[in-house]
Amino acid sequence: MAEKRSAKVRRILHLEGRAARLLAAYEGALVGIAPGRHRAEELLQQAKAVKVTLTGRELAQLRRARSGV
């Protein structure tokens, strides 16, 4: 006959099952947001590429704009 599991063993198995479901849901959610993050990183890279071409005056304008002045 099958051995009856103790309450602690059942609790551990239950918690592990819940954790596995939560991890699966989390990873599934990441799949949905990964393209957005990738696009954001691409845009930041484009901004950096343009920034290195700025003149001194344009760079000063950018700094003032970022500081809210």
Protein backbone atom coordinates (compact mmCIF):
# COMPACT_ATOMS: atom_id res chain seq x y z
CA MET A 1 0.00 0.00 0.00
CA ALA A 2 0.99 3.58 -0.53
CA GLU A 3 2.50 5.30 2.44
CA LYS A 4 0.40 8.13 3.88
CA ARG A 5 2.25 11.45 3.63
CA SER A 6 2.75 13.54 6.74
CA ALA A 7 1.18 16.97 7.03
CA LYS A 8 4.58 18.62 6.60
CA VAL A 9 5.31 16.70 3.41
CA ARG A 10 1.86 17.57 2.03
CA ARG A 11 2.44 21.23 2.94
CA ILE A 12 5.81 21.29 1.19
CA LEU A 13 4.34 19.71 -1.94
CA HIS A 14 1.46 22.18 -1.86
CA LEU A 15 3.79 25.18 -1.50
CA GLU A 16 6.06 23.92 -4.27
CA GLY A 17 3.05 23.50 -6.54
CA ARG A 18 1.85 27.03 -5.83
CA ALA A 19 5.35 28.39 -6.43
CA ALA A 20 5.59 26.57 -9.75
CA ARG A 21 2.25 28.02 -10.88
CA LEU A 22 3.28 31.54 -9.86
CA LEU A 23 6.62 31.22 -11.64
CA ALA A 24 4.87 29.99 -14.77
CA ALA A 25 2.48 32.95 -14.67
CA TYR A 26 5.37 35.36 -14.09
CA GLU A 27 7.37 33.97 -16.99
CA GLY A 28 4.28 34.09 -19.18
CA ALA A 29 3.82 37.76 -18.31
CA LEU A 30 7.45 38.49 -19.16
CA VAL A 31 6.89 37.15 -22.66
CA GLY A 32 4.24 39.80 -23.16
CA ILE A 33 6.38 42.71 -22.03
CA ALA A 34 9.71 41.66 -23.52
CA PRO A 35 9.02 43.25 -26.94
CA GLY A 36 8.16 46.56 -25.27
CA ARG A 37 11.36 46.53 -23.26
CA HIS A 38 13.35 45.65 -26.36
CA ARG A 39 11.78 48.56 -28.25
CA ALA A 40 12.53 50.94 -25.36
CA GLU A 41 16.17 49.86 -25.36
CA GLU A 42 16.35 50.40 -29.12
CA LEU A 43 14.98 53.92 -28.73
CA LEU A 44 17.48 54.72 -25.99
CA GLN A 45 20.28 53.48 -28.24
CA GLN A 46 19.02 55.72 -31.05
CA ALA A 47 18.95 58.69 -28.67
CA LYS A 48 22.57 57.98 -27.64
CA ALA A 49 23.58 57.79 -31.31
CA VAL A 50 22.08 61.22 -31.96
CA LYS A 51 23.52 62.67 -28.72
CA VAL A 52 27.11 62.03 -29.77
CA THR A 53 26.52 64.21 -32.85
CA LEU A 54 25.34 67.26 -30.86
CA THR A 55 27.28 70.49 -30.92
CA GLY A 56 28.27 72.12 -27.66
CA ARG A 57 25.33 74.50 -27.87
CA GLU A 58 22.87 71.68 -28.55
CA LEU A 59 24.32 69.69 -25.67
CA ALA A 60 23.79 72.67 -23.36
CA GLN A 61 20.19 72.93 -24.59
CA LEU A 62 19.66 69.25 -23.86
CA ARG A 63 21.04 69.61 -20.34
CA ARG A 64 18.82 72.62 -19.66
CA ALA A 65 15.78 70.78 -21.01
CA ARG A 66 16.48 67.77 -18.79
CA SER A 67 16.96 69.96 -15.71
CA GLY A 68 13.69 71.75 -16.35
CA VAL A 69 15.26 75.20 -16.75
